Structure formats: structure tokens, C-alpha cells
């Protein structure tokens, strides 16, 4: 879930209010666009949290834990699906490293 929030295009609408584009010209004369957290206020603070993979992971974990405490019937199946997806990602990483060696 953390990867989805921090990196994937499908959740870009969640990140958009907290980031702004900065443009830079590289040595080849091409324009490069960087997405950086906003500078100040609560949107800047949330942008900083969303730009940190580990920070977002902690907050997502706490939110899901809270959901599980208060709504176990609804959040249980969602957590199982996310756990299976996490296991699949872990297995994919292991297989990729085995193939490269």
C-alpha cells in the first residue's frame, strides 16, 4: 500500500495537492521536471511525509491498525489482500535476485 501511495500513477490524485513541479534545464538543454513537496504549511508537512517511503509506511500501518481495531469485519479482508500482495512482491524480489546471479 505504501508503494501505491508514494510512487504509483493510480494514486497521483492523492499526492497532487501536496506537491509542486519545479523545472530545470540540464546540460543538453532539455527541460527536466521535478516533483517536490510544497514549502510551507500543512500541505508542505504532508508532502514531506508522502515523499518519504518509510514515513508513509509508518502512517499507513497505523491507519490500518486503527481500522482493524475499530472495524475488523471490513478491514480484515482488505488486510489479507494487501498481505498476499506484499508476499508476492517479496517473492518477486527474491526471484529477480536469483535470476541475476
Protein backbone atom coordinates (compact mmCIF):
# COMPACT_ATOMS: atom_id res chain seq x y z
CA UNK A 1 0.00 0.00 0.00
CA UNK A 2 2.88 2.34 0.77
CA UNK A 3 4.34 1.89 -2.71
CA UNK A 4 0.95 2.62 -4.21
CA UNK A 5 0.64 5.89 -2.29
CA UNK A 6 4.23 7.11 -2.75
CA UNK A 7 5.07 6.07 -6.32
CA UNK A 8 2.25 4.75 -8.49
CA UNK A 9 0.34 6.79 -11.05
CA UNK A 10 -3.04 5.46 -9.95
CA UNK A 11 -2.80 7.38 -6.66
CA UNK A 12 -1.31 10.56 -8.09
CA UNK A 13 -4.54 12.41 -7.22
CA UNK A 14 -3.77 11.79 -3.52
CA UNK A 15 -0.28 13.30 -3.78
CA UNK A 16 -1.11 16.19 -6.15
CA UNK A 17 -2.33 18.74 -3.55
CA UNK A 18 0.89 18.36 -1.56
CA UNK A 19 3.48 18.69 -4.34
CA UNK A 20 4.52 21.24 -6.93
CA UNK A 21 6.53 20.97 -10.14
CA UNK A 22 9.97 22.53 -10.49
CA UNK A 23 11.57 22.82 -13.91
CA UNK A 24 15.28 22.78 -14.61
CA UNK A 25 17.32 22.89 -17.80
CA UNK A 26 20.01 20.18 -17.94
CA UNK A 27 23.38 20.30 -19.73
CA UNK A 28 21.82 19.08 -23.00
CA UNK A 29 19.35 21.98 -22.96
CA UNK A 30 16.37 19.74 -22.15
CA UNK A 31 13.79 20.72 -19.59
CA UNK A 32 13.51 18.34 -16.64
CA UNK A 33 10.54 18.45 -14.31
CA UNK A 34 10.93 17.53 -10.64
CA UNK A 35 8.06 16.99 -8.26
CA UNK A 36 8.90 18.38 -4.84
CA UNK A 37 6.85 18.84 -1.65
CA UNK A 38 5.32 22.26 -1.12
CA UNK A 39 7.43 24.54 1.04
CA UNK A 40 5.20 25.51 3.96
CA UNK A 41 2.06 24.86 5.93
CA UNK A 42 0.20 21.65 6.50
CA UNK A 43 0.36 20.77 2.79
CA UNK A 44 4.16 21.05 2.95
CA UNK A 45 4.26 18.83 6.04
CA UNK A 46 2.07 16.17 4.42
CA UNK A 47 4.11 16.49 1.21
CA UNK A 48 7.28 15.78 3.20
CA UNK A 49 5.63 12.71 4.74
CA UNK A 50 4.44 11.46 1.35
CA UNK A 51 7.88 11.90 -0.19
CA UNK A 52 9.43 9.60 2.43
CA UNK A 53 8.75 5.94 1.76
CA UNK A 54 9.45 4.90 5.36
CA UNK A 55 7.36 7.70 6.88
CA UNK A 56 4.39 6.87 4.69
CA UNK A 57 4.75 3.20 5.63
CA UNK A 58 4.53 4.01 9.34
CA UNK A 59 1.45 6.19 8.90
CA UNK A 60 -0.28 3.68 6.62
CA UNK A 61 0.43 0.90 9.13
CA UNK A 62 -1.01 2.95 11.98
CA UNK A 63 -4.13 3.78 9.98
CA UNK A 64 -4.71 0.15 9.04
CA UNK A 65 -4.11 -0.96 12.62
CA UNK A 66 -6.71 1.55 13.80
CA UNK A 67 -9.15 0.39 11.15
CA UNK A 68 -8.59 -3.21 12.22
CA UNK A 69 -9.26 -2.33 15.88
CA UNK A 70 -12.50 -0.48 15.18
CA UNK A 71 -13.77 -2.24 12.04
CA UNK A 72 -12.28 -5.77 12.00
CA UNK A 73 -15.01 -7.23 9.78
CA UNK A 74 -14.43 -4.75 6.99
CA UNK A 75 -10.68 -4.22 7.25
CA UNK A 76 -9.74 -7.88 7.79
CA UNK A 77 -10.29 -8.95 4.16
CA UNK A 78 -8.52 -5.81 2.88
CA UNK A 79 -5.50 -6.56 5.08
CA UNK A 80 -5.40 -10.16 3.83
CA UNK A 81 -5.35 -8.96 0.21
CA UNK A 82 -2.58 -6.46 1.00
CA UNK A 83 -0.61 -9.15 2.85
CA UNK A 84 -0.84 -11.51 -0.12
CA UNK A 85 0.25 -8.68 -2.45
CA UNK A 86 3.19 -7.94 -0.14
CA UNK A 87 4.20 -11.60 -0.13
CA UNK A 88 4.01 -11.68 -3.93
CA UNK A 89 6.25 -8.59 -4.13
CA UNK A 90 8.73 -10.20 -1.74
CA UNK A 91 8.81 -13.41 -3.77
CA UNK A 92 9.26 -11.43 -6.99
CA UNK A 93 12.24 -9.61 -5.48
CA UNK A 94 13.84 -12.89 -4.37
CA UNK A 95 13.30 -14.49 -7.79
CA UNK A 96 14.75 -11.44 -9.58
CA UNK A 97 17.89 -11.60 -7.44
CA UNK A 98 18.24 -15.33 -8.07
CA UNK A 99 17.93 -14.85 -11.83
CA UNK A 100 20.52 -12.04 -11.90
CA UNK A 101 23.14 -14.08 -10.02
